[in-house]
Amino acid sequence: MSPLAILTGASSGIGAAAAEQFIDQGYSVINISRRDCPVAGVETLQTDLADSASLRGTCDTLAARLQAQDSTAPVCLVHNASLMLKDRCDTTEDSALMAAISVNVLGINTLNRSLVSALPQGSSILFVGSTLSEKAVAGAFSYIVSKHAQLGMMRATCQDLMGRGIHTAMICPGFTDTSMLRQHVGNDESVLHSLGAMNSFGRLVSPAEIADMILWAHQHPVVNGSVMHGNLGQIEH
Protein backbone atom coordinates (compact mmCIF):
# COMPACT_ATOMS: atom_id res chain seq x y z
CA MET A 1 0.00 0.00 0.00
CA SER A 2 1.26 3.47 -0.82
CA PRO A 3 2.37 5.86 1.91
CA LEU A 4 -0.22 8.37 3.11
CA ALA A 5 -0.15 12.14 3.54
CA ILE A 6 -2.89 13.86 5.56
CA LEU A 7 -2.95 17.63 5.18
CA THR A 8 -5.20 20.26 6.68
CA GLY A 9 -6.05 23.24 4.51
CA ALA A 10 -4.95 21.72 1.20
CA SER A 11 -7.68 23.49 -0.75
CA SER A 12 -5.28 26.25 -1.84
CA GLY A 13 -1.86 27.80 -1.33
CA ILE A 14 0.87 25.90 0.47
CA GLY A 15 -1.43 22.98 1.28
CA ALA A 16 -2.45 22.43 -2.33
CA ALA A 17 1.17 22.72 -3.50
CA ALA A 18 2.22 20.14 -0.92
CA ALA A 19 -0.65 17.84 -1.90
CA GLU A 20 0.52 17.98 -5.52
CA GLN A 21 4.07 17.06 -4.57
CA PHE A 22 2.95 14.13 -2.43
CA ILE A 23 0.74 12.88 -5.29
CA ASP A 24 3.71 13.13 -7.67
CA GLN A 25 5.75 11.02 -5.22
CA GLY A 26 3.14 8.25 -5.22
CA TYR A 27 1.41 9.04 -1.93
CA SER A 28 -2.26 8.72 -1.22
CA VAL A 29 -3.33 12.20 -0.08
CA ILE A 30 -6.23 13.27 2.13
CA ASN A 31 -7.20 16.93 2.46
CA ILE A 32 -9.00 18.09 5.60
CA SER A 33 -10.78 21.37 4.92
CA ARG A 34 -14.13 22.91 4.11
CA ARG A 35 -13.30 23.13 0.40
CA ASP A 36 -12.06 20.52 -2.06
CA CYS A 37 -8.41 20.32 -3.03
CA PRO A 38 -7.93 21.27 -6.71
CA VAL A 39 -5.22 18.62 -7.21
CA ALA A 40 -6.37 15.52 -9.10
CA GLY A 41 -6.29 12.36 -7.02
CA VAL A 42 -6.61 14.06 -3.62
CA GLU A 43 -9.46 12.93 -1.40
CA THR A 44 -11.15 15.66 0.63
CA LEU A 45 -12.82 15.06 3.97
CA GLN A 46 -14.92 18.19 4.28
CA THR A 47 -14.28 19.47 7.77
CA ASP A 48 -14.73 22.66 9.75
CA LEU A 49 -11.71 22.68 12.05
CA ALA A 50 -13.45 25.14 14.36
CA ASP A 51 -16.45 22.82 14.79
CA SER A 52 -15.75 20.07 17.33
CA ALA A 53 -18.46 17.74 15.98
CA SER A 54 -17.23 18.10 12.40
CA LEU A 55 -13.63 17.50 13.43
CA ARG A 56 -14.54 14.54 15.63
CA GLY A 57 -16.29 12.84 12.71
CA THR A 58 -13.24 13.34 10.51
CA CYS A 59 -10.94 11.99 13.21
CA ASP A 60 -13.08 8.86 13.53
CA THR A 61 -12.92 8.33 9.76
CA LEU A 62 -9.16 8.81 9.66
CA ALA A 63 -8.53 6.56 12.66
CA ALA A 64 -10.51 3.78 11.00
CA ARG A 65 -8.60 4.32 7.76
CA LEU A 66 -5.23 4.11 9.50
CA GLN A 67 -6.17 0.95 11.33
CA ALA A 68 -7.24 -0.67 8.07
CA GLN A 69 -4.17 0.20 6.03
CA ASP A 70 -0.76 -1.48 5.95
CA SER A 71 0.65 -0.77 9.39
CA THR A 72 4.18 -0.33 8.05
CA ALA A 73 3.38 2.38 5.49
CA PRO A 74 4.56 5.76 6.84
CA VAL A 75 2.14 8.63 7.29
CA CYS A 76 2.86 12.34 6.99
CA LEU A 77 0.44 14.44 9.03
CA VAL A 78 0.73 18.10 8.02
CA HIS A 79 -0.90 20.80 10.14
CA ASN A 80 -1.18 23.55 7.54
CA ALA A 81 -4.59 25.22 7.94
CA SER A 82 -4.61 28.57 9.76
CA LEU A 83 -6.96 31.39 10.60
CA MET A 84 -5.39 34.86 10.41
CA LEU A 85 -7.25 37.89 11.76
CA LYS A 86 -6.37 41.56 11.80
CA ASP A 87 -6.39 42.31 15.52
CA ARG A 88 -4.48 43.88 18.37
CA CYS A 89 -3.78 43.05 22.00
CA ASP A 90 -5.78 46.04 23.26
CA THR A 91 -8.97 45.36 21.30
CA THR A 92 -9.20 41.58 20.72
CA GLU A 93 -12.25 40.01 22.33
CA ASP A 94 -11.89 36.60 23.98
CA SER A 95 -14.24 35.14 21.36
CA ALA A 96 -11.99 36.28 18.51
CA LEU A 97 -8.88 34.90 20.19
CA MET A 98 -10.67 31.61 20.80
CA ALA A 99 -11.70 31.44 17.13
CA ALA A 100 -8.05 31.59 16.08
CA ILE A 101 -6.95 29.15 18.78
CA SER A 102 -9.73 26.70 17.83
CA VAL A 103 -8.38 26.35 14.30
CA ASN A 104 -4.68 26.97 14.86
CA VAL A 105 -4.16 25.08 18.13
CA LEU A 106 -7.11 23.02 19.40
CA GLY A 107 -7.78 21.45 16.00
CA ILE A 108 -4.18 20.27 15.88
CA ASN A 109 -4.44 18.81 19.36
CA THR A 110 -7.61 16.91 18.45
CA LEU A 111 -6.05 15.43 15.32
CA ASN A 112 -2.85 14.44 17.10
CA ARG A 113 -4.68 12.91 20.05
CA SER A 114 -6.91 10.90 17.73
CA LEU A 115 -4.31 9.69 15.24
CA VAL A 116 -0.87 9.47 16.82
CA SER A 117 -1.39 6.01 18.33
CA ALA A 118 -2.06 4.62 14.84
CA LEU A 119 1.00 6.19 13.18
CA PRO A 120 3.68 3.63 12.29
CA GLN A 121 7.41 4.15 12.56
CA GLY A 122 8.73 6.41 9.83
CA SER A 123 5.77 8.76 10.11
CA SER A 124 6.03 12.49 10.74
CA ILE A 125 3.93 15.25 12.27
CA LEU A 126 4.74 18.53 10.57
CA PHE A 127 3.57 22.01 11.50
CA VAL A 128 3.40 24.84 8.97
CA GLY A 129 4.17 27.79 11.17
CA SER A 130 5.30 31.26 10.19
CA THR A 131 8.08 33.73 10.65
CA LEU A 132 5.65 34.97 13.31
CA SER A 133 6.07 31.73 15.27
CA GLU A 134 9.26 33.25 16.71
CA LYS A 135 8.76 37.00 16.39
CA ALA A 136 5.93 39.53 16.26
CA VAL A 137 4.57 42.48 14.33
CA ALA A 138 1.68 44.79 15.08
CA GLY A 139 -1.85 43.99 13.96
CA ALA A 140 -1.90 40.17 13.98
CA PHE A 141 -2.27 39.45 17.68
CA SER A 142 -4.30 36.20 17.73
CA TYR A 143 -2.39 34.71 14.79
CA ILE A 144 0.96 35.39 16.48
CA VAL A 145 -0.23 33.98 19.81
CA SER A 146 -1.45 30.80 18.11
CA LYS A 147 1.67 30.37 15.97
CA HIS A 148 3.87 30.66 19.06
CA ALA A 149 1.66 27.98 20.63
CA GLN A 150 2.16 25.73 17.59
CA LEU A 151 5.92 25.96 18.06
CA GLY A 152 5.54 24.79 21.64
CA MET A 153 3.26 21.97 20.51
CA MET A 154 5.80 20.79 17.95
CA ARG A 155 8.64 20.73 20.47
CA ALA A 156 6.53 19.10 23.19
CA THR A 157 5.26 16.48 20.72
CA CYS A 158 8.85 15.68 19.77
CA GLN A 159 9.70 15.02 23.41
CA ASP A 160 6.56 13.02 24.18
CA LEU A 161 7.11 10.71 21.19
CA MET A 162 10.78 9.96 21.86
CA GLY A 163 11.61 6.41 20.84
CA ARG A 164 8.45 5.94 18.75
CA GLY A 165 10.14 6.48 15.38
CA ILE A 166 7.87 9.45 14.63
CA HIS A 167 9.50 12.81 14.02
CA THR A 168 8.25 16.37 14.15
CA ALA A 169 9.33 19.66 12.61
CA MET A 170 8.00 23.14 12.01
CA ILE A 171 8.35 24.81 8.62
CA CYS A 172 8.19 28.59 8.98
CA PRO A 173 7.45 30.38 5.70
CA GLY A 174 8.21 34.01 5.18
CA PHE A 175 5.85 36.16 3.11
CA THR A 176 4.38 33.59 0.71
CA ASP A 177 2.14 34.29 -2.26
CA THR A 178 -1.06 32.72 -0.93
CA SER A 179 -4.69 33.75 -0.91
CA MET A 180 -4.49 34.21 2.88
CA LEU A 181 -1.72 36.79 2.54
CA ARG A 182 -3.46 38.53 -0.34
CA GLN A 183 -6.71 38.75 1.61
CA HIS A 184 -4.89 40.00 4.70
CA VAL A 185 -3.44 42.96 2.76
CA GLY A 186 -6.63 43.62 0.83
CA ASN A 187 -5.13 42.41 -2.48
CA ASP A 188 -3.06 45.59 -2.59
CA GLU A 189 -0.31 44.90 -5.13
CA SER A 190 1.86 47.71 -3.80
CA VAL A 191 1.81 46.16 -0.33
CA LEU A 192 2.58 42.72 -1.76
CA HIS A 193 5.50 44.23 -3.67
CA SER A 194 6.84 45.86 -0.52
CA LEU A 195 6.55 42.59 1.39
CA GLY A 196 8.41 40.79 -1.38
CA ALA A 197 11.17 43.37 -1.14
CA MET A 198 11.80 42.40 2.48
CA ASN A 199 14.15 39.54 1.64
CA SER A 200 17.40 38.95 -0.18
CA PHE A 201 15.71 37.96 -3.47
CA GLY A 202 13.13 40.75 -3.65
CA ARG A 203 10.06 38.57 -4.18
CA LEU A 204 7.41 36.60 -2.35
CA VAL A 205 8.12 32.97 -1.52
CA SER A 206 6.16 30.57 -3.74
CA PRO A 207 3.90 27.89 -2.22
CA ALA A 208 5.83 25.24 -4.17
CA GLU A 209 9.04 26.22 -2.39
CA ILE A 210 7.44 25.61 1.01
CA ALA A 211 5.93 22.37 -0.30
CA ASP A 212 9.47 21.24 -1.17
CA MET A 213 10.46 21.82 2.45
CA ILE A 214 7.47 19.89 3.78
CA LEU A 215 8.24 16.83 1.66
CA TRP A 216 11.95 17.01 2.56
CA ALA A 217 11.18 17.32 6.27
CA HIS A 218 8.98 14.23 6.14
CA GLN A 219 11.70 12.23 4.44
CA HIS A 220 14.50 13.28 6.81
CA PRO A 221 13.93 12.43 10.49
CA VAL A 222 17.24 14.06 11.38
CA VAL A 223 15.28 17.33 11.71
CA ASN A 224 13.20 15.94 14.59
CA GLY A 225 12.12 18.82 16.83
CA SER A 226 13.59 21.45 14.52
CA VAL A 227 12.36 24.75 13.12
CA MET A 228 13.05 25.23 9.40
CA HIS A 229 12.82 28.72 7.95
CA GLY A 230 11.77 29.36 4.35
CA ASN A 231 11.90 33.11 3.86
CA LEU A 232 14.56 33.81 1.22
CA GLY A 233 16.72 35.53 3.83
CA GLN A 234 14.24 37.94 5.36
CA ILE A 235 15.52 41.40 6.25
CA GLU A 236 15.11 41.96 9.98
CA HIS A 237 13.81 45.24 11.37
C-alpha atoms as a PDB file:
ATOM      1  CA  MET A   1       0.000   0.000   0.000  1.00  0.00           C
ATOM      2  CA  SER A   2       1.262   3.470  -0.825  1.00  0.00           C
ATOM      3  CA  PRO A   3       2.369   5.863   1.913  1.00  0.00           C
ATOM      4  CA  LEU A   4      -0.220   8.371   3.108  1.00  0.00           C
ATOM      5  CA  ALA A   5      -0.153  12.144   3.542  1.00  0.00           C
ATOM      6  CA  ILE A   6      -2.887  13.862   5.561  1.00  0.00           C
ATOM      7  CA  LEU A   7      -2.951  17.633   5.182  1.00  0.00           C
ATOM      8  CA  THR A   8      -5.204  20.262   6.680  1.00  0.00           C
ATOM      9  CA  GLY A   9      -6.050  23.238   4.505  1.00  0.00           C
ATOM     10  CA  ALA A  10      -4.948  21.716   1.195  1.00  0.00           C
ATOM     11  CA  SER A  11      -7.683  23.491  -0.751  1.00  0.00           C
ATOM     12  CA  SER A  12      -5.277  26.249  -1.841  1.00  0.00           C
ATOM     13  CA  GLY A  13      -1.862  27.803  -1.329  1.00  0.00           C
ATOM     14  CA  ILE A  14       0.865  25.896   0.473  1.00  0.00           C
ATOM     15  CA  GLY A  15      -1.432  22.980   1.285  1.00  0.00           C
ATOM     16  CA  ALA A  16      -2.449  22.435  -2.334  1.00  0.00           C
ATOM     17  CA  ALA A  17       1.167  22.725  -3.495  1.00  0.00           C
ATOM     18  CA  ALA A  18       2.218  20.143  -0.920  1.00  0.00           C
ATOM     19  CA  ALA A  19      -0.651  17.840  -1.899  1.00  0.00           C
ATOM     20  CA  GLU A  20       0.518  17.983  -5.521  1.00  0.00           C
ATOM     21  CA  GLN A  21       4.074  17.059  -4.573  1.00  0.00           C
ATOM     22  CA  PHE A  22       2.952  14.128  -2.434  1.00  0.00           C
ATOM     23  CA  ILE A  23       0.744  12.878  -5.289  1.00  0.00           C
ATOM     24  CA  ASP A  24       3.712  13.134  -7.665  1.00  0.00           C
ATOM     25  CA  GLN A  25       5.754  11.024  -5.222  1.00  0.00           C
ATOM     26  CA  GLY A  26       3.140   8.251  -5.218  1.00  0.00           C
ATOM     27  CA  TYR A  27       1.413   9.039  -1.930  1.00  0.00           C
ATOM     28  CA  SER A  28      -2.263   8.725  -1.222  1.00  0.00           C
ATOM     29  CA  VAL A  29      -3.333  12.197  -0.076  1.00  0.00           C
ATOM     30  CA  ILE A  30      -6.226  13.268   2.130  1.00  0.00           C
ATOM     31  CA  ASN A  31      -7.197  16.925   2.464  1.00  0.00           C
ATOM     32  CA  ILE A  32      -9.000  18.094   5.602  1.00  0.00           C
ATOM     33  CA  SER A  33     -10.779  21.375   4.916  1.00  0.00           C
ATOM     34  CA  ARG A  34     -14.129  22.915   4.114  1.00  0.00           C
ATOM     35  CA  ARG A  35     -13.297  23.125   0.397  1.00  0.00           C
ATOM     36  CA  ASP A  36     -12.064  20.518  -2.061  1.00  0.00           C
ATOM     37  CA  CYS A  37      -8.413  20.315  -3.030  1.00  0.00           C
ATOM     38  CA  PRO A  38      -7.928  21.266  -6.709  1.00  0.00           C
ATOM     39  CA  VAL A  39      -5.220  18.618  -7.212  1.00  0.00           C
ATOM     40  CA  ALA A  40      -6.367  15.524  -9.096  1.00  0.00           C
ATOM     41  CA  GLY A  41      -6.293  12.361  -7.025  1.00  0.00           C
ATOM     42  CA  VAL A  42      -6.613  14.064  -3.621  1.00  0.00           C
ATOM     43  CA  GLU A  43      -9.465  12.927  -1.396  1.00  0.00           C
ATOM     44  CA  THR A  44     -11.153  15.662   0.633  1.00  0.00           C
ATOM     45  CA  LEU A  45     -12.824  15.062   3.969  1.00  0.00           C
ATOM     46  CA  GLN A  46     -14.917  18.191   4.280  1.00  0.00           C
ATOM     47  CA  THR A  47     -14.280  19.474   7.769  1.00  0.00           C
ATOM     48  CA  ASP A  48     -14.728  22.662   9.747  1.00  0.00           C
ATOM     49  CA  LEU A  49     -11.710  22.677  12.050  1.00  0.00           C
ATOM     50  CA  ALA A  50     -13.452  25.140  14.356  1.00  0.00           C
ATOM     51  CA  ASP A  51     -16.453  22.820  14.793  1.00  0.00           C
ATOM     52  CA  SER A  52     -15.748  20.075  17.334  1.00  0.00           C
ATOM     53  CA  ALA A  53     -18.458  17.744  15.982  1.00  0.00           C
ATOM     54  CA  SER A  54     -17.231  18.103  12.399  1.00  0.00           C
ATOM     55  CA  LEU A  55     -13.628  17.499  13.425  1.00  0.00           C
ATOM     56  CA  ARG A  56     -14.542  14.544  15.632  1.00  0.00           C
ATOM     57  CA  GLY A  57     -16.292  12.837  12.713  1.00  0.00           C
ATOM     58  CA  THR A  58     -13.244  13.340  10.513  1.00  0.00           C
ATOM     59  CA  CYS A  59     -10.944  11.988  13.209  1.00  0.00           C
ATOM     60  CA  ASP A  60     -13.084   8.861  13.531  1.00  0.00           C
ATOM     61  CA  THR A  61     -12.919   8.334   9.757  1.00  0.00           C
ATOM     62  CA  LEU A  62      -9.156   8.815   9.664  1.00  0.00           C
ATOM     63  CA  ALA A  63      -8.528   6.564  12.664  1.00  0.00           C
ATOM     64  CA  ALA A  64     -10.511   3.778  11.002  1.00  0.00           C
ATOM     65  CA  ARG A  65      -8.596   4.316   7.759  1.00  0.00           C
ATOM     66  CA  LEU A  66      -5.233   4.113   9.505  1.00  0.00           C
ATOM     67  CA  GLN A  67      -6.167   0.951  11.333  1.00  0.00           C
ATOM     68  CA  ALA A  68      -7.241  -0.671   8.069  1.00  0.00           C
ATOM     69  CA  GLN A  69      -4.167   0.203   6.026  1.00  0.00           C
ATOM     70  CA  ASP A  70      -0.760  -1.483   5.948  1.00  0.00           C
ATOM     71  CA  SER A  71       0.653  -0.770   9.395  1.00  0.00           C
ATOM     72  CA  THR A  72       4.178  -0.333   8.054  1.00  0.00           C
ATOM     73  CA  ALA A  73       3.375   2.376   5.488  1.00  0.00           C
ATOM     74  CA  PRO A  74       4.564   5.755   6.838  1.00  0.00           C
ATOM     75  CA  VAL A  75       2.142   8.632   7.288  1.00  0.00           C
ATOM     76  CA  CYS A  76       2.864  12.339   6.989  1.00  0.00           C
ATOM     77  CA  LEU A  77       0.440  14.444   9.034  1.00  0.00           C
ATOM     78  CA  VAL A  78       0.730  18.102   8.024  1.00  0.00           C
ATOM     79  CA  HIS A  79      -0.904  20.804  10.138  1.00  0.00           C
ATOM     80  CA  ASN A  80      -1.177  23.552   7.541  1.00  0.00           C
ATOM     81  CA  ALA A  81      -4.590  25.225   7.942  1.00  0.00           C
ATOM     82  CA  SER A  82      -4.607  28.566   9.758  1.00  0.00           C
ATOM     83  CA  LEU A  83      -6.959  31.392  10.597  1.00  0.00           C
ATOM     84  CA  MET A  84      -5.393  34.865  10.415  1.00  0.00           C
ATOM     85  CA  LEU A  85      -7.248  37.887  11.764  1.00  0.00           C
ATOM     86  CA  LYS A  86      -6.374  41.563  11.802  1.00  0.00           C
ATOM     87  CA  ASP A  87      -6.389  42.313  15.515  1.00  0.00           C
ATOM     88  CA  ARG A  88      -4.478  43.883  18.370  1.00  0.00           C
ATOM     89  CA  CYS A  89      -3.776  43.051  22.001  1.00  0.00           C
ATOM     90  CA  ASP A  90      -5.779  46.037  23.263  1.00  0.00           C
ATOM     91  CA  THR A  91      -8.975  45.357  21.302  1.00  0.00           C
ATOM     92  CA  THR A  92      -9.203  41.583  20.724  1.00  0.00           C
ATOM     93  CA  GLU A  93     -12.250  40.010  22.331  1.00  0.00           C
ATOM     94  CA  ASP A  94     -11.890  36.598  23.976  1.00  0.00           C
ATOM     95  CA  SER A  95     -14.239  35.140  21.364  1.00  0.00           C
ATOM     96  CA  ALA A  96     -11.992  36.276  18.510  1.00  0.00           C
ATOM     97  CA  LEU A  97      -8.883  34.899  20.190  1.00  0.00           C
ATOM     98  CA  MET A  98     -10.670  31.605  20.797  1.00  0.00           C
ATOM     99  CA  ALA A  99     -11.697  31.443  17.127  1.00  0.00           C
ATOM    100  CA  ALA A 100      -8.050  31.586  16.081  1.00  0.00           C
ATOM    101  CA  ILE A 101      -6.955  29.151  18.776  1.00  0.00           C
ATOM    102  CA  SER A 102      -9.731  26.705  17.833  1.00  0.00           C
ATOM    103  CA  VAL A 103      -8.384  26.351  14.296  1.00  0.00           C
ATOM    104  CA  ASN A 104      -4.681  26.965  14.858  1.00  0.00           C
ATOM    105  CA  VAL A 105      -4.155  25.084  18.128  1.00  0.00           C
ATOM    106  CA  LEU A 106      -7.106  23.017  19.399  1.00  0.00           C
ATOM    107  CA  GLY A 107      -7.779  21.447  16.003  1.00  0.00           C
ATOM    108  CA  ILE A 108      -4.178  20.271  15.875  1.00  0.00           C
ATOM    109  CA  ASN A 109      -4.444  18.812  19.362  1.00  0.00           C
ATOM    110  CA  THR A 110      -7.607  16.912  18.449  1.00  0.00           C
ATOM    111  CA  LEU A 111      -6.053  15.426  15.317  1.00  0.00           C
ATOM    112  CA  ASN A 112      -2.847  14.438  17.097  1.00  0.00           C
ATOM    113  CA  ARG A 113      -4.675  12.905  20.051  1.00  0.00           C
ATOM    114  CA  SER A 114      -6.914  10.899  17.726  1.00  0.00           C
ATOM    115  CA  LEU A 115      -4.310   9.686  15.245  1.00  0.00           C
ATOM    116  CA  VAL A 116      -0.873   9.468  16.816  1.00  0.00           C
ATOM    117  CA  SER A 117      -1.393   6.014  18.334  1.00  0.00           C
ATOM    118  CA  ALA A 118      -2.056   4.624  14.840  1.00  0.00           C
ATOM    119  CA  LEU A 119       0.999   6.189  13.177  1.00  0.00           C
ATOM    120  CA  PRO A 120       3.682   3.630  12.289  1.00  0.00           C
ATOM    121  CA  GLN A 121       7.411   4.147  12.564  1.00  0.00           C
ATOM    122  CA  GLY A 122       8.733   6.413   9.829  1.00  0.00           C
ATOM    123  CA  SER A 123       5.767   8.765  10.112  1.00  0.00           C
ATOM    124  CA  SER A 124       6.033  12.490  10.740  1.00  0.00           C
ATOM    125  CA  ILE A 125       3.935  15.247  12.275  1.00  0.00           C
ATOM    126  CA  LEU A 126       4.736  18.530  10.575  1.00  0.00           C
ATOM    127  CA  PHE A 127       3.568  22.012  11.504  1.00  0.00           C
ATOM    128  CA  VAL A 128       3.396  24.844   8.974  1.00  0.00           C
ATOM    129  CA  GLY A 129       4.170  27.794  11.173  1.00  0.00           C
ATOM    130  CA  SER A 130       5.298  31.258  10.187  1.00  0.00           C
ATOM    131  CA  THR A 131       8.077  33.733  10.654  1.00  0.00           C
ATOM    132  CA  LEU A 132       5.652  34.968  13.313  1.00  0.00           C
ATOM    133  CA  SER A 133       6.071  31.730  15.267  1.00  0.00           C
ATOM    134  CA  GLU A 134       9.260  33.248  16.710  1.00  0.00           C
ATOM    135  CA  LYS A 135       8.758  36.999  16.388  1.00  0.00           C
ATOM    136  CA  ALA A 136       5.935  39.527  16.257  1.00  0.00           C
ATOM    137  CA  VAL A 137       4.573  42.485  14.326  1.00  0.00           C
ATOM    138  CA  ALA A 138       1.678  44.788  15.079  1.00  0.00           C
ATOM    139  CA  GLY A 139      -1.845  43.988  13.962  1.00  0.00           C
ATOM    140  CA  ALA A 140      -1.905  40.170  13.976  1.00  0.00           C
ATOM    141  CA  PHE A 141      -2.274  39.448  17.678  1.00  0.00           C
ATOM    142  CA  SER A 142      -4.301  36.204  17.735  1.00  0.00           C
ATOM    143  CA  TYR A 143      -2.391  34.712  14.791  1.00  0.00           C
ATOM    144  CA  ILE A 144       0.955  35.391  16.483  1.00  0.00           C
ATOM    145  CA  VAL A 145      -0.228  33.976  19.809  1.00  0.00           C
ATOM    146  CA  SER A 146      -1.454  30.800  18.114  1.00  0.00           C
ATOM    147  CA  LYS A 147       1.670  30.375  15.971  1.00  0.00           C
ATOM    148  CA  HIS A 148       3.867  30.658  19.058  1.00  0.00           C
ATOM    149  CA  ALA A 149       1.662  27.978  20.628  1.00  0.00           C
ATOM    150  CA  GLN A 150       2.162  25.734  17.587  1.00  0.00           C
ATOM    151  CA  LEU A 151       5.919  25.959  18.055  1.00  0.00           C
ATOM    152  CA  GLY A 152       5.545  24.790  21.645  1.00  0.00           C
ATOM    153  CA  MET A 153       3.258  21.971  20.507  1.00  0.00           C
ATOM    154  CA  MET A 154       5.798  20.792  17.948  1.00  0.00           C
ATOM    155  CA  ARG A 155       8.637  20.727  20.468  1.00  0.00           C
ATOM    156  CA  ALA A 156       6.528  19.095  23.190  1.00  0.00           C
ATOM    157  CA  THR A 157       5.259  16.478  20.722  1.00  0.00           C
ATOM    158  CA  CYS A 158       8.845  15.676  19.772  1.00  0.00           C
ATOM    159  CA  GLN A 159       9.697  15.016  23.411  1.00  0.00           C
ATOM    160  CA  ASP A 160       6.564  13.017  24.184  1.00  0.00           C
ATOM    161  CA  LEU A 161       7.107  10.711  21.190  1.00  0.00           C
ATOM    162  CA  MET A 162      10.780   9.964  21.863  1.00  0.00           C
ATOM    163  CA  GLY A 163      11.608   6.406  20.841  1.00  0.00           C
ATOM    164  CA  ARG A 164       8.454   5.935  18.753  1.00  0.00           C
ATOM    165  CA  GLY A 165      10.143   6.475  15.385  1.00  0.00           C
ATOM    166  CA  ILE A 166       7.869   9.451  14.631  1.00  0.00           C
ATOM    167  CA  HIS A 167       9.503  12.809  14.023  1.00  0.00           C
ATOM    168  CA  THR A 168       8.254  16.374  14.145  1.00  0.00           C
ATOM    169  CA  ALA A 169       9.335  19.656  12.607  1.00  0.00           C
ATOM    170  CA  MET A 170       7.997  23.137  12.010  1.00  0.00           C
ATOM    171  CA  ILE A 171       8.355  24.808   8.625  1.00  0.00           C
ATOM    172  CA  CYS A 172       8.193  28.586   8.984  1.00  0.00           C
ATOM    173  CA  PRO A 173       7.454  30.376   5.697  1.00  0.00           C
ATOM    174  CA  GLY A 174       8.211  34.013   5.176  1.00  0.00           C
ATOM    175  CA  PHE A 175       5.851  36.159   3.110  1.00  0.00           C
ATOM    176  CA  THR A 176       4.379  33.592   0.713  1.00  0.00           C
ATOM    177  CA  ASP A 177       2.139  34.289  -2.264  1.00  0.00           C
ATOM    178  CA  THR A 178      -1.056  32.723  -0.927  1.00  0.00           C
ATOM    179  CA  SER A 179      -4.691  33.749  -0.909  1.00  0.00           C
ATOM    180  CA  MET A 180      -4.488  34.209   2.876  1.00  0.00           C
ATOM    181  CA  LEU A 181      -1.724  36.794   2.543  1.00  0.00           C
ATOM    182  CA  ARG A 182      -3.464  38.534  -0.336  1.00  0.00           C
ATOM    183  CA  GLN A 183      -6.710  38.751   1.611  1.00  0.00           C
ATOM    184  CA  HIS A 184      -4.887  40.002   4.695  1.00  0.00           C
ATOM    185  CA  VAL A 185      -3.436  42.964   2.763  1.00  0.00           C
ATOM    186  CA  GLY A 186      -6.629  43.624   0.828  1.00  0.00           C
ATOM    187  CA  ASN A 187      -5.129  42.408  -2.476  1.00  0.00           C
ATOM    188  CA  ASP A 188      -3.060  45.589  -2.585  1.00  0.00           C
ATOM    189  CA  GLU A 189      -0.313  44.901  -5.131  1.00  0.00           C
ATOM    190  CA  SER A 190       1.860  47.712  -3.795  1.00  0.00           C
ATOM    191  CA  VAL A 191       1.815  46.161  -0.329  1.00  0.00           C
ATOM    192  CA  LEU A 192       2.583  42.724  -1.759  1.00  0.00           C
ATOM    193  CA  HIS A 193       5.501  44.228  -3.668  1.00  0.00           C
ATOM    194  CA  SER A 194       6.843  45.863  -0.518  1.00  0.00           C
ATOM    195  CA  LEU A 195       6.554  42.587   1.385  1.00  0.00           C
ATOM    196  CA  GLY A 196       8.412  40.785  -1.380  1.00  0.00           C
ATOM    197  CA  ALA A 197      11.167  43.373  -1.138  1.00  0.00           C
ATOM    198  CA  MET A 198      11.796  42.400   2.481  1.00  0.00           C
ATOM    199  CA  ASN A 199      14.153  39.539   1.636  1.00  0.00           C
ATOM    200  CA  SER A 200      17.398  38.953  -0.182  1.00  0.00           C
ATOM    201  CA  PHE A 201      15.712  37.957  -3.470  1.00  0.00           C
ATOM    202  CA  GLY A 202      13.132  40.752  -3.651  1.00  0.00           C
ATOM    203  CA  ARG A 203      10.062  38.574  -4.184  1.00  0.00           C
ATOM    204  CA  LEU A 204       7.409  36.600  -2.350  1.00  0.00           C
ATOM    205  CA  VAL A 205       8.117  32.967  -1.520  1.00  0.00           C
ATOM    206  CA  SER A 206       6.158  30.567  -3.741  1.00  0.00           C
ATOM    207  CA  PRO A 207       3.900  27.895  -2.221  1.00  0.00           C
ATOM    208  CA  ALA A 208       5.832  25.242  -4.169  1.00  0.00           C
ATOM    209  CA  GLU A 209       9.045  26.221  -2.385  1.00  0.00           C
ATOM    210  CA  ILE A 210       7.442  25.612   1.009  1.00  0.00           C
ATOM    211  CA  ALA A 211       5.931  22.365  -0.302  1.00  0.00           C
ATOM    212  CA  ASP A 212       9.470  21.238  -1.166  1.00  0.00           C
ATOM    213  CA  MET A 213      10.463  21.821   2.450  1.00  0.00           C
ATOM    214  CA  ILE A 214       7.467  19.893   3.784  1.00  0.00           C
ATOM    215  CA  LEU A 215       8.243  16.831   1.659  1.00  0.00           C
ATOM    216  CA  TRP A 216      11.947  17.012   2.559  1.00  0.00           C
ATOM    217  CA  ALA A 217      11.183  17.321   6.274  1.00  0.00           C
ATOM    218  CA  HIS A 218       8.975  14.229   6.138  1.00  0.00           C
ATOM    219  CA  GLN A 219      11.696  12.226   4.442  1.00  0.00           C
ATOM    220  CA  HIS A 220      14.499  13.284   6.815  1.00  0.00           C
ATOM    221  CA  PRO A 221      13.932  12.430  10.490  1.00  0.00           C
ATOM    222  CA  VAL A 222      17.243  14.059  11.380  1.00  0.00           C
ATOM    223  CA  VAL A 223      15.278  17.331  11.705  1.00  0.00           C
ATOM    224  CA  ASN A 224      13.197  15.935  14.592  1.00  0.00           C
ATOM    225  CA  GLY A 225      12.115  18.816  16.835  1.00  0.00           C
ATOM    226  CA  SER A 226      13.585  21.448  14.524  1.00  0.00           C
ATOM    227  CA  VAL A 227      12.361  24.750  13.119  1.00  0.00           C
ATOM    228  CA  MET A 228      13.048  25.227   9.400  1.00  0.00           C
ATOM    229  CA  HIS A 229      12.825  28.724   7.955  1.00  0.00           C
ATOM    230  CA  GLY A 230      11.771  29.359   4.354  1.00  0.00           C
ATOM    231  CA  ASN A 231      11.899  33.110   3.863  1.00  0.00           C
ATOM    232  CA  LEU A 232      14.564  33.811   1.218  1.00  0.00           C
ATOM    233  CA  GLY A 233      16.716  35.532   3.834  1.00  0.00           C
ATOM    234  CA  GLN A 234      14.239  37.940   5.362  1.00  0.00           C
ATOM    235  CA  ILE A 235      15.516  41.402   6.246  1.00  0.00           C
ATOM    236  CA  GLU A 236      15.113  41.960   9.980  1.00  0.00           C
ATOM    237  CA  HIS A 237      13.808  45.241  11.374  1.00  0.00           C
END
